[in-house]
Protein backbone atom coordinates (compact mmCIF):
# COMPACT_ATOMS: atom_id res chain seq x y z
CA MET A 1 0.04 -0.07 0.08
CA THR A 2 1.29 3.61 -0.82
CA THR A 3 -0.05 6.09 1.35
CA GLU A 4 0.82 9.02 -0.97
CA ARG A 5 -1.08 6.96 -3.85
CA LEU A 6 -4.07 6.94 -1.72
CA ILE A 7 -3.91 10.40 -0.28
CA ALA A 8 -3.76 11.83 -3.84
CA GLY A 9 -6.57 9.64 -4.97
CA LEU A 10 -8.67 10.93 -1.79
CA ARG A 11 -7.81 14.63 -2.80
CA ALA A 12 -9.05 13.72 -6.33
CA ILE A 13 -12.46 12.63 -4.77
CA VAL A 14 -13.02 15.26 -2.04
CA GLY A 15 -10.92 18.20 -3.03
CA ASP A 16 -8.39 20.20 -1.00
CA GLU A 17 -11.17 21.41 1.29
CA GLY A 18 -12.40 17.87 2.07
CA LEU A 19 -9.12 16.60 2.91
CA ILE A 20 -7.06 17.57 6.23
CA LEU A 21 -3.39 16.39 6.38
CA ASP A 22 -2.16 18.92 9.04
CA ASP A 23 -1.08 17.22 12.39
CA HIS A 24 -2.50 20.16 14.50
CA ALA A 25 -5.81 20.56 12.38
CA MET A 26 -6.17 16.81 12.57
CA GLN A 27 -6.24 16.67 16.60
CA PRO A 28 -9.91 17.30 17.21
CA TYR A 29 -10.84 14.23 15.26
CA LEU A 30 -8.17 12.16 17.15
CA ILE A 31 -8.28 13.09 20.78
CA SER A 32 -11.26 11.48 22.84
CA TRP A 33 -13.08 13.94 25.15
CA ARG A 34 -12.92 10.97 27.61
CA ASP A 35 -10.50 8.34 28.84
CA ASN A 36 -7.52 10.47 27.06
CA TRP A 37 -7.36 8.27 23.87
CA ARG A 38 -5.26 9.69 20.97
CA GLY A 39 -5.11 8.37 17.60
CA ARG A 40 -2.79 8.67 14.73
CA VAL A 41 -3.98 8.85 10.97
CA PRO A 42 -2.38 9.91 7.89
CA ALA A 43 -5.46 12.03 6.79
CA VAL A 44 -9.04 13.06 7.80
CA VAL A 45 -11.57 12.82 4.84
CA ARG A 46 -14.55 14.93 5.01
CA PRO A 47 -16.98 14.02 1.92
CA ARG A 48 -19.97 15.97 0.89
CA THR A 49 -22.06 13.42 -0.90
CA THR A 50 -22.95 9.92 -0.82
CA ASP A 51 -21.31 9.39 -4.08
CA GLN A 52 -17.74 10.77 -2.56
CA VAL A 53 -18.15 8.48 0.57
CA ALA A 54 -18.61 5.66 -1.79
CA ALA A 55 -15.62 6.82 -3.73
CA VAL A 56 -13.37 7.20 -0.50
CA VAL A 57 -14.56 3.71 0.62
CA ARG A 58 -13.73 2.00 -2.53
CA ALA A 59 -10.29 3.70 -2.72
CA CYS A 60 -9.37 2.63 1.08
CA ALA A 61 -10.75 -0.91 0.05
CA HIS A 62 -8.47 -1.06 -2.85
CA GLU A 63 -5.40 0.01 -0.86
CA GLY A 64 -6.18 -2.07 2.10
CA LYS A 65 -6.51 1.10 4.47
CA ALA A 66 -9.03 0.94 7.13
CA ILE A 67 -11.81 3.64 7.89
CA VAL A 68 -13.04 4.86 11.02
CA PRO A 69 -16.53 6.64 10.39
CA GLN A 70 -16.99 9.60 12.48
CA GLY A 71 -19.87 11.95 13.30
CA GLY A 72 -19.79 14.38 16.50
CA HIS A 73 -16.85 12.25 18.06
CA THR A 74 -18.98 12.67 21.50
CA GLY A 75 -19.01 9.01 22.29
CA VAL A 76 -17.70 7.64 25.72
CA THR A 77 -16.59 4.09 24.58
CA GLY A 78 -14.20 5.11 21.71
CA ALA A 79 -16.38 3.59 18.80
CA SER A 80 -15.40 6.60 16.71
CA GLN A 81 -11.86 6.63 18.15
CA PRO A 82 -8.75 5.91 15.57
CA HIS A 83 -6.10 3.70 17.20
CA ASP A 84 -2.42 5.25 17.24
CA ASP A 85 -0.75 3.05 14.76
CA GLY A 86 -1.49 4.95 11.51
CA SER A 87 -3.16 2.21 9.94
CA GLU A 88 -6.43 4.05 9.42
CA ILE A 89 -7.97 7.12 7.92
CA VAL A 90 -11.03 8.96 9.83
CA LEU A 91 -13.83 9.43 7.63
CA SER A 92 -15.88 12.37 9.11
CA LEU A 93 -19.52 13.23 7.99
CA GLU A 94 -19.60 16.51 9.53
CA ARG A 95 -20.05 18.06 5.95
CA MET A 96 -22.94 15.83 5.17
CA ASN A 97 -25.43 17.93 6.96
CA ALA A 98 -28.39 18.52 4.92
CA ILE A 99 -31.99 18.26 5.60
CA ARG A 100 -33.19 16.37 2.41
CA ALA A 101 -36.82 16.12 2.78
CA ILE A 102 -39.75 16.80 5.40
CA ASP A 103 -42.80 14.79 4.94
CA ALA A 104 -45.09 16.06 7.80
CA ASP A 105 -48.15 14.37 6.61
CA ASN A 106 -46.28 10.95 6.92
CA ASP A 107 -44.41 12.00 10.15
CA THR A 108 -40.86 11.51 8.66
CA MET A 109 -37.91 13.48 7.62
CA THR A 110 -34.75 12.49 5.62
CA VAL A 111 -31.65 13.65 6.95
CA GLU A 112 -27.78 13.26 6.29
CA ALA A 113 -25.57 11.65 8.86
CA GLY A 114 -23.82 14.78 9.82
CA CYS A 115 -26.69 16.80 10.79
CA VAL A 116 -26.28 17.70 14.55
CA LEU A 117 -29.08 16.48 16.67
CA ALA A 118 -30.03 19.85 17.78
CA ASP A 119 -30.37 20.71 13.89
CA VAL A 120 -32.71 17.59 13.45
CA ARG A 121 -34.98 18.71 16.52
CA ALA A 122 -35.31 22.23 15.09
CA ALA A 123 -36.35 21.31 11.80
CA ALA A 124 -38.93 18.96 13.14
CA GLU A 125 -40.14 22.05 15.43
CA ARG A 126 -40.45 24.25 12.42
CA ALA A 127 -42.70 21.58 10.70
CA ASP A 128 -44.87 21.43 13.88
CA ARG A 129 -43.36 18.10 14.66
CA LEU A 130 -41.16 16.39 17.50
CA PHE A 131 -38.21 14.26 16.94
CA PRO A 132 -38.05 13.13 20.36
CA LEU A 133 -34.33 11.85 20.77
CA LEU A 134 -32.75 13.96 23.22
CA LEU A 135 -29.27 13.50 25.35
CA GLY A 136 -26.58 15.63 26.84
CA ALA A 137 -24.65 16.28 23.66
CA VAL A 138 -27.54 17.35 21.73
CA GLY A 139 -25.77 20.11 20.55
CA SER A 140 -22.72 18.50 18.95
CA CYS A 141 -23.68 14.92 18.63
CA MET A 142 -24.65 14.13 14.79
CA ILE A 143 -27.63 11.73 13.92
CA GLY A 144 -25.23 9.12 11.85
CA GLY A 145 -23.26 8.62 15.18
CA ASN A 146 -26.46 8.50 17.22
CA ILE A 147 -28.08 5.82 14.87
CA SER A 148 -24.63 3.85 14.73
CA THR A 149 -24.59 3.65 18.65
CA ASN A 150 -28.34 3.29 18.93
CA ALA A 151 -28.36 6.11 21.07
CA GLY A 152 -30.61 6.41 24.17
CA GLY A 153 -31.55 9.45 26.09
CA VAL A 154 -33.99 10.79 28.41
CA ASN A 155 -37.06 10.08 26.33
CA VAL A 156 -36.64 6.20 25.92
CA ILE A 157 -39.53 5.64 28.13
CA ARG A 158 -42.01 6.90 25.95
CA TYR A 159 -40.68 7.00 22.43
CA GLY A 160 -37.63 4.24 22.64
CA ASN A 161 -34.10 3.94 21.58
CA THR A 162 -32.91 5.66 18.44
CA ARG A 163 -33.65 2.21 16.83
CA ASN A 164 -37.10 3.04 17.27
CA LEU A 165 -37.00 6.27 15.68
CA VAL A 166 -35.38 5.33 12.12
CA ALA A 167 -37.88 4.30 9.40
CA GLY A 168 -34.98 3.83 6.85
CA LEU A 169 -31.29 4.01 6.09
CA GLU A 170 -28.61 4.94 3.10
CA VAL A 171 -25.49 2.78 3.99
CA VAL A 172 -22.14 2.70 1.94
CA LEU A 173 -20.94 -0.82 2.37
CA PRO A 174 -17.24 -1.84 3.00
CA ASP A 175 -16.78 -2.48 -0.81
CA GLY A 176 -18.20 1.11 -1.67
CA GLU A 177 -21.46 0.09 -2.95
CA VAL A 178 -24.61 1.88 -1.85
CA TRP A 179 -27.49 0.43 -0.31
CA ASP A 180 -30.74 2.87 -0.61
CA GLY A 181 -32.99 1.70 2.02
CA LEU A 182 -34.40 5.25 2.64
CA ARG A 183 -38.22 4.25 2.86
CA GLY A 184 -40.54 5.93 5.20
CA LEU A 185 -42.86 3.16 5.52
CA ARG A 186 -44.59 2.05 8.91
CA LYS A 187 -45.15 -1.47 7.35
CA ASP A 188 -42.72 -3.24 5.17
CA ASN A 189 -42.57 -7.15 5.50
CA ALA A 190 -40.95 -7.82 2.32
CA GLY A 191 -38.01 -9.84 3.80
CA TYR A 192 -35.19 -9.04 6.52
CA ASP A 193 -35.42 -5.61 8.11
CA LEU A 194 -31.86 -4.93 6.82
CA LYS A 195 -31.68 -1.35 8.31
CA GLN A 196 -31.62 -3.08 11.85
CA LEU A 197 -28.01 -4.33 10.89
CA PHE A 198 -26.49 -1.15 11.05
CA ILE A 199 -28.39 0.57 13.87
CA GLY A 200 -26.03 -0.01 16.74
CA ALA A 201 -22.99 -1.67 14.77
CA GLU A 202 -20.84 1.29 15.57
CA GLY A 203 -19.91 1.67 11.96
CA THR A 204 -18.52 -2.02 11.56
CA LEU A 205 -20.51 -3.22 8.65
CA GLY A 206 -20.79 -0.02 6.58
CA VAL A 207 -21.17 4.01 6.71
CA ILE A 208 -24.43 5.51 7.43
CA THR A 209 -24.85 8.55 5.12
CA ALA A 210 -28.59 9.21 5.63
CA ALA A 211 -31.55 8.39 7.42
CA VAL A 212 -35.31 8.40 7.42
CA VAL A 213 -36.43 9.39 10.89
CA ARG A 214 -39.81 9.32 12.45
CA LEU A 215 -41.49 12.33 13.77
CA PHE A 216 -44.37 12.69 16.38
CA PRO A 217 -46.96 15.37 16.93
CA LYS A 218 -45.47 18.04 18.88
CA PRO A 219 -46.69 18.05 22.39
CA ARG A 220 -48.90 21.21 23.38
CA ALA A 221 -48.11 20.94 26.87
CA GLU A 222 -45.02 19.92 29.12
CA ILE A 223 -44.95 19.80 32.86
CA THR A 224 -41.57 19.04 34.68
CA ALA A 225 -41.27 18.10 38.41
CA PHE A 226 -38.23 17.45 40.80
CA VAL A 227 -39.29 14.92 43.39
CA ALA A 228 -37.40 13.93 46.76
CA VAL A 229 -37.73 10.13 47.40
CA PRO A 230 -36.39 8.13 50.51
CA SER A 231 -35.04 5.42 48.64
CA PRO A 232 -34.93 3.52 45.07
CA GLN A 233 -37.71 1.43 46.33
CA HIS A 234 -39.76 4.29 46.91
CA ALA A 235 -38.89 5.75 43.42
CA LEU A 236 -40.03 2.72 41.65
CA ARG A 237 -43.26 2.63 43.63
CA TRP A 238 -43.66 6.22 42.53
CA LEU A 239 -42.72 5.13 38.85
CA VAL A 240 -45.66 2.57 38.72
CA ARG A 241 -48.00 5.16 40.18
CA ALA A 242 -47.01 7.68 37.51
CA LYS A 243 -47.15 5.36 34.70
CA ASP A 244 -50.66 4.22 35.89
CA ALA A 245 -51.63 7.78 35.79
CA PHE A 246 -50.04 9.13 32.53
CA ALA A 247 -49.33 6.19 30.65
CA GLU A 248 -47.70 7.37 27.18
CA GLN A 249 -47.83 10.70 28.70
CA LEU A 250 -45.04 9.97 31.07
CA THR A 251 -42.04 11.18 28.69
CA ALA A 252 -39.16 11.21 31.05
CA PHE A 253 -38.38 9.60 34.49
CA GLU A 254 -34.76 10.12 35.93
CA LEU A 255 -33.32 8.67 39.14
CA ILE A 256 -30.66 10.57 40.83
CA GLN A 257 -28.67 10.00 43.99
CA ASP A 258 -28.10 12.96 46.58
CA ILE A 259 -24.32 13.12 45.98
CA CYS A 260 -24.81 13.80 42.19
CA ILE A 261 -27.09 17.06 43.08
CA GLU A 262 -24.34 18.13 45.77
CA VAL A 263 -21.39 17.73 43.34
CA THR A 264 -22.99 19.40 40.56
CA CYS A 265 -24.24 22.45 42.45
CA ARG A 266 -21.02 22.71 44.04
CA ARG A 267 -19.21 22.25 40.76
CA ILE A 268 -21.34 24.04 38.30
CA PRO A 269 -22.03 27.67 38.70
CA GLY A 270 -25.72 28.94 38.87
CA LEU A 271 -27.16 25.64 39.73
CA HIS A 272 -28.69 24.82 43.27
CA ASN A 273 -31.05 22.24 44.76
CA PRO A 274 -34.54 23.38 44.00
CA LEU A 275 -35.86 21.88 47.11
CA ARG A 276 -35.64 23.21 50.58
CA THR A 277 -34.65 20.14 52.46
CA ALA A 278 -31.74 17.44 51.01
CA SER A 279 -33.05 13.97 50.29
CA PRO A 280 -31.22 10.62 49.64
CA TRP A 281 -32.67 10.23 46.24
CA TYR A 282 -34.54 12.44 43.66
CA VAL A 283 -36.56 11.68 40.68
CA LEU A 284 -36.76 14.38 37.78
CA MET A 285 -39.84 13.69 35.66
CA GLU A 286 -41.68 15.13 32.74
CA VAL A 287 -45.10 14.38 31.40
CA SER A 288 -46.46 15.75 28.03
CA GLY A 289 -49.58 16.03 26.08
CA GLN A 290 -51.81 17.39 23.47
CA GLY A 291 -54.54 18.82 26.18
CA SER A 292 -54.18 21.98 27.99
CA GLU A 293 -51.16 22.68 30.31
CA ASP A 294 -53.42 23.83 33.29
CA ALA A 295 -55.13 20.36 33.04
CA LEU A 296 -51.87 18.29 32.88
CA ARG A 297 -50.37 20.30 35.82
CA ALA A 298 -53.64 19.64 37.85
CA ALA A 299 -53.26 15.73 37.16
CA LEU A 300 -49.65 15.87 38.19
CA GLU A 301 -50.39 17.83 41.33
CA ASP A 302 -53.09 15.25 42.27
CA VAL A 303 -50.74 12.31 41.79
CA LEU A 304 -48.16 14.02 43.41
CA ALA A 305 -50.59 14.42 46.36
CA ALA A 306 -51.26 10.83 46.41
CA GLY A 307 -47.75 9.97 46.20
CA LEU A 308 -47.13 12.18 49.23
CA GLU A 309 -49.92 10.46 51.16
CA ALA A 310 -48.61 6.90 50.64
CA GLY A 311 -45.04 8.04 51.38
CA GLU A 312 -43.58 7.41 48.18
CA LEU A 313 -42.03 10.94 48.30
CA THR A 314 -41.18 13.38 50.63
CA ASP A 315 -41.46 16.73 48.85
CA ALA A 316 -41.79 18.19 45.05
CA THR A 317 -41.74 21.01 43.07
CA ILE A 318 -43.04 21.74 39.56
CA ALA A 319 -41.51 23.92 37.25
CA ALA A 320 -43.54 27.15 36.93
CA SER A 321 -42.06 28.46 33.74
CA GLY A 322 -39.96 27.56 30.77
CA GLN A 323 -37.02 28.83 32.60
CA GLN A 324 -37.61 26.92 35.48
CA ARG A 325 -38.01 23.71 33.62
CA ASP A 326 -34.62 24.48 31.85
CA MET A 327 -32.82 24.81 34.99
CA LEU A 328 -34.04 21.41 36.38
CA TRP A 329 -32.98 19.98 33.29
CA ARG A 330 -29.77 21.81 33.11
CA LEU A 331 -29.08 20.33 36.84
CA ARG A 332 -29.52 16.81 35.44
CA GLU A 333 -27.56 17.34 32.28
CA SER A 334 -24.57 18.70 33.98
CA ILE A 335 -24.03 15.97 36.09
CA PRO A 336 -21.33 14.14 33.92
CA GLU A 337 -19.41 17.34 33.67
CA ALA A 338 -19.34 17.91 37.30
CA HIS A 339 -18.76 14.37 38.03
CA LYS A 340 -15.29 14.72 36.01
CA HIS A 341 -13.90 17.19 38.44
CA GLU A 342 -14.64 15.17 41.42
CA GLY A 343 -11.69 12.62 41.49
CA VAL A 344 -10.95 9.13 40.19
CA SER A 345 -14.32 7.29 39.48
CA PHE A 346 -15.18 4.04 37.58
CA LYS A 347 -17.78 4.60 35.03
CA HIS A 348 -20.59 2.15 34.24
CA ASP A 349 -23.67 2.24 31.57
CA ILE A 350 -25.66 -0.70 32.53
CA SER A 351 -29.04 -1.75 32.46
CA VAL A 352 -31.02 -4.25 34.68
CA PRO A 353 -34.89 -5.03 34.74
CA ILE A 354 -36.77 -2.01 36.03
CA SER A 355 -38.39 -4.04 38.76
CA ARG A 356 -34.83 -4.93 40.08
CA VAL A 357 -33.23 -1.78 40.21
CA PRO A 358 -33.49 -1.06 43.93
CA GLU A 359 -32.20 -4.67 44.56
CA PHE A 360 -29.23 -4.18 42.56
CA LEU A 361 -28.29 -0.86 43.85
CA THR A 362 -28.54 -2.41 47.48
CA ARG A 363 -26.53 -5.58 46.36
CA ILE A 364 -23.71 -3.68 44.49
CA GLU A 365 -23.16 -1.33 47.03
CA ASP A 366 -22.32 -4.38 49.46
CA GLU A 367 -20.24 -5.85 46.91
CA LEU A 368 -18.31 -2.92 46.19
CA ASP A 369 -17.77 -2.34 49.97
CA LYS A 370 -16.09 -5.82 49.99
CA GLU A 371 -13.77 -5.09 46.97
CA LEU A 372 -12.84 -1.64 47.55
CA PRO A 373 -14.21 -0.14 50.92
CA GLY A 374 -14.26 3.60 50.93
CA LEU A 375 -15.87 4.18 47.47
CA ARG A 376 -18.45 6.84 47.38
CA MET A 377 -21.47 5.71 45.32
CA PHE A 378 -22.55 7.89 42.50
CA THR A 379 -25.66 6.95 40.63
CA PHE A 380 -27.95 8.59 38.14
CA GLY A 381 -29.89 7.57 35.04
CA HIS A 382 -32.92 6.82 33.30
CA LEU A 383 -34.92 4.64 35.85
CA GLY A 384 -37.90 4.42 33.52
CA ASP A 385 -35.96 2.19 31.26
CA GLY A 386 -33.88 0.36 33.73
CA ASN A 387 -30.53 2.30 32.66
CA LEU A 388 -28.09 3.33 35.30
CA HIS A 389 -24.85 5.59 35.03
CA PHE A 390 -23.15 3.76 37.86
CA ASN A 391 -20.21 5.87 38.50
CA PRO A 392 -18.59 5.07 42.04
CA LEU A 393 -15.88 7.56 43.11
CA LEU A 394 -12.84 6.98 45.27
CA PRO A 395 -12.50 9.11 48.32
CA ALA A 396 -11.76 12.56 47.58
CA GLY A 397 -8.10 13.08 46.64
CA ALA A 398 -7.19 9.25 46.54
CA ALA A 399 -5.38 7.33 43.55
CA ALA A 400 -6.39 4.52 41.94
CA ALA A 401 -4.25 1.36 42.72
CA PRO A 402 -3.23 -1.37 40.11
CA GLY A 403 -6.10 -3.80 39.54
CA ASP A 404 -8.81 -1.47 41.29
CA LEU A 405 -10.53 -0.54 37.72
CA GLN A 406 -10.86 -4.43 36.88
CA ARG A 407 -11.99 -5.24 40.46
CA VAL A 408 -14.83 -2.62 40.32
CA ASN A 409 -15.60 -3.66 36.87
CA THR A 410 -15.74 -7.19 37.32
CA ALA A 411 -17.87 -6.72 40.34
CA VAL A 412 -20.40 -4.42 38.70
CA HIS A 413 -20.94 -6.40 35.43
CA ASP A 414 -20.93 -10.05 37.13
CA LEU A 415 -23.99 -8.57 39.16
CA VAL A 416 -25.53 -6.88 36.17
CA THR A 417 -25.23 -9.97 34.34
CA ALA A 418 -26.51 -12.14 37.36
CA PHE A 419 -29.65 -9.81 37.22
CA GLY A 420 -30.26 -10.42 33.55
CA GLY A 421 -28.99 -7.07 32.59
CA SER A 422 -26.58 -5.61 30.15
CA ILE A 423 -23.06 -4.25 30.47
CA SER A 424 -23.85 -1.49 27.97
CA ALA A 425 -27.50 0.02 28.07
CA GLU A 426 -26.81 2.84 25.53
CA HIS A 427 -23.17 3.89 25.24
CA GLY A 428 -22.13 0.73 23.14
CA ILE A 429 -19.21 -1.33 23.32
CA GLY A 430 -16.58 0.51 20.96
CA ARG A 431 -12.99 0.06 22.45
CA LEU A 432 -13.74 0.56 26.00
CA ARG A 433 -15.75 -2.60 26.69
CA LEU A 434 -14.48 -4.94 24.04
CA ASP A 435 -12.33 -7.14 26.11
CA GLU A 436 -15.20 -7.55 28.59
CA LEU A 437 -17.53 -8.66 25.82
CA THR A 438 -16.25 -12.28 25.62
CA ARG A 439 -16.98 -12.58 29.33
CA TYR A 440 -20.61 -11.59 29.01
CA LYS A 441 -21.64 -12.70 25.76
CA SER A 442 -22.45 -16.29 25.01
CA PRO A 443 -20.25 -18.09 22.20
CA VAL A 444 -23.40 -18.31 20.04
CA GLU A 445 -23.98 -14.63 20.39
CA LEU A 446 -20.27 -13.69 19.30
CA ARG A 447 -20.23 -16.28 16.39
CA MET A 448 -23.37 -14.68 15.10
CA MET A 449 -21.84 -11.07 15.37
CA ALA A 450 -18.49 -12.37 13.93
CA ALA A 451 -20.39 -14.15 10.92
CA LEU A 452 -22.09 -10.80 9.98
CA LYS A 453 -18.84 -9.03 10.12
CA GLN A 454 -17.40 -11.44 8.15
CA LEU A 455 -20.24 -11.54 5.53
CA PHE A 456 -20.19 -7.47 5.07
CA ASP A 457 -16.57 -6.99 5.79
CA PRO A 458 -14.32 -9.88 5.24
CA HIS A 459 -11.46 -7.60 4.99
CA ASN A 460 -11.86 -5.97 8.36
CA VAL A 461 -11.41 -2.46 6.95
CA MET A 462 -14.71 -0.89 8.64
CA ASN A 463 -13.88 0.37 11.86
CA PRO A 464 -11.80 -2.56 13.02
CA GLY A 465 -11.14 -3.15 16.65
CA LYS A 466 -14.49 -1.90 17.74
CA LEU A 467 -17.49 -3.80 19.01
CA ILE A 468 -16.50 -7.23 17.29
CA VAL A 469 -13.90 -9.82 18.91
CA PRO A 470 -12.85 -13.26 17.33
CA PRO A 471 -15.28 -15.94 18.31
CA ALA A 472 -14.17 -19.13 20.14
CA PRO A 473 -14.07 -22.17 17.96
CA ALA A 474 -17.42 -23.95 17.98
CA GLN A 475 -17.45 -26.89 20.18
CA LYS A 476 -17.84 -30.34 18.47
């Protein structure tokens, strides 16, 4: 392989404006925002069209050069992070950022992969529709990356993961062929649902270049409440009551430990606990619907009163304005940023059955107290769908000893698996959890995943070293 020949070919495809070769200019594409990974590549390629993506992929396939597809580069498991050996190029979709079409009557929108999530949501808003995917990186993550990682976010309880929001895809395959699956159909039972193979595949089977996403009627009323609860068990009982009362109108239900609120208010200027008295646990919840705001607020007040009487909660406040609502959500969304400044931590994105969340939290605290006494539990997440961001901290000022990370990870993930859960609820596997996959996926699952990889990408040029691990030989 001649790198100079490949770069000349890439320049002919995307032009000088689509090719970054300067080391300094490439750095934002090569440094992860978490975990301090640093990559090294000979080039960052930024095509503008699907035809250019296909030509880039063909050129790299011809030269045997691996490709790392990249969107907003906001992931936390290294799925879009190149390695440091120079064996790959980064293929950034950031210049493919057009809203191709909006069909409001069909409740669909066709978007290119490089569209920032906030822009997709704004385009839906202009059409008097809602695109419900919402997560902390909304202003920088891109829809292609959201789809490639099957992103979750705060509205999964009502609208589902990204997988549920995609009607069709356009994908460039590892040999450069383009699959046009941009169909905005609700019902299409003519064979395999091929788009599902690429959703959550982390760019290992092809490059998503465009998508048809589902839109929803824009809610006319949104009511947000911040609730104090004595324990996760009380939060679960409160969740059941809220679901019984509001059904699909329950849009978000976030569980937050007291330390998360304390650290965030201390670390992030302008934030404060909206309740007068501290509580061991909190719930941030939102209900939305098509009726009047007054009626929805009155209904929530009635349900809160019932929860107080039943002892499921001890205090609550309802946002009285859009500004107060934004403050409550900023408090929740600032937790990861505040957490970064609090010392050494062990991060986990896990899920267990909703009904078992309280038991899991009790058990894991006991298990970790045996493994590493003195850890500060630091838990927040989406109780409404069973997804917890379980990120215990070492004591303030303490440094991690060799083996601490492995001991904590093993204790957490072993218990998650025993509870019938997943070691990755919404962040994916990427590079971070690759080695652990063989411990928690069955040999059958690993062989099926590897077979798909071999079928689509036999030369392993599409985002190698992510998600897929070689399977163990089948037992005879």
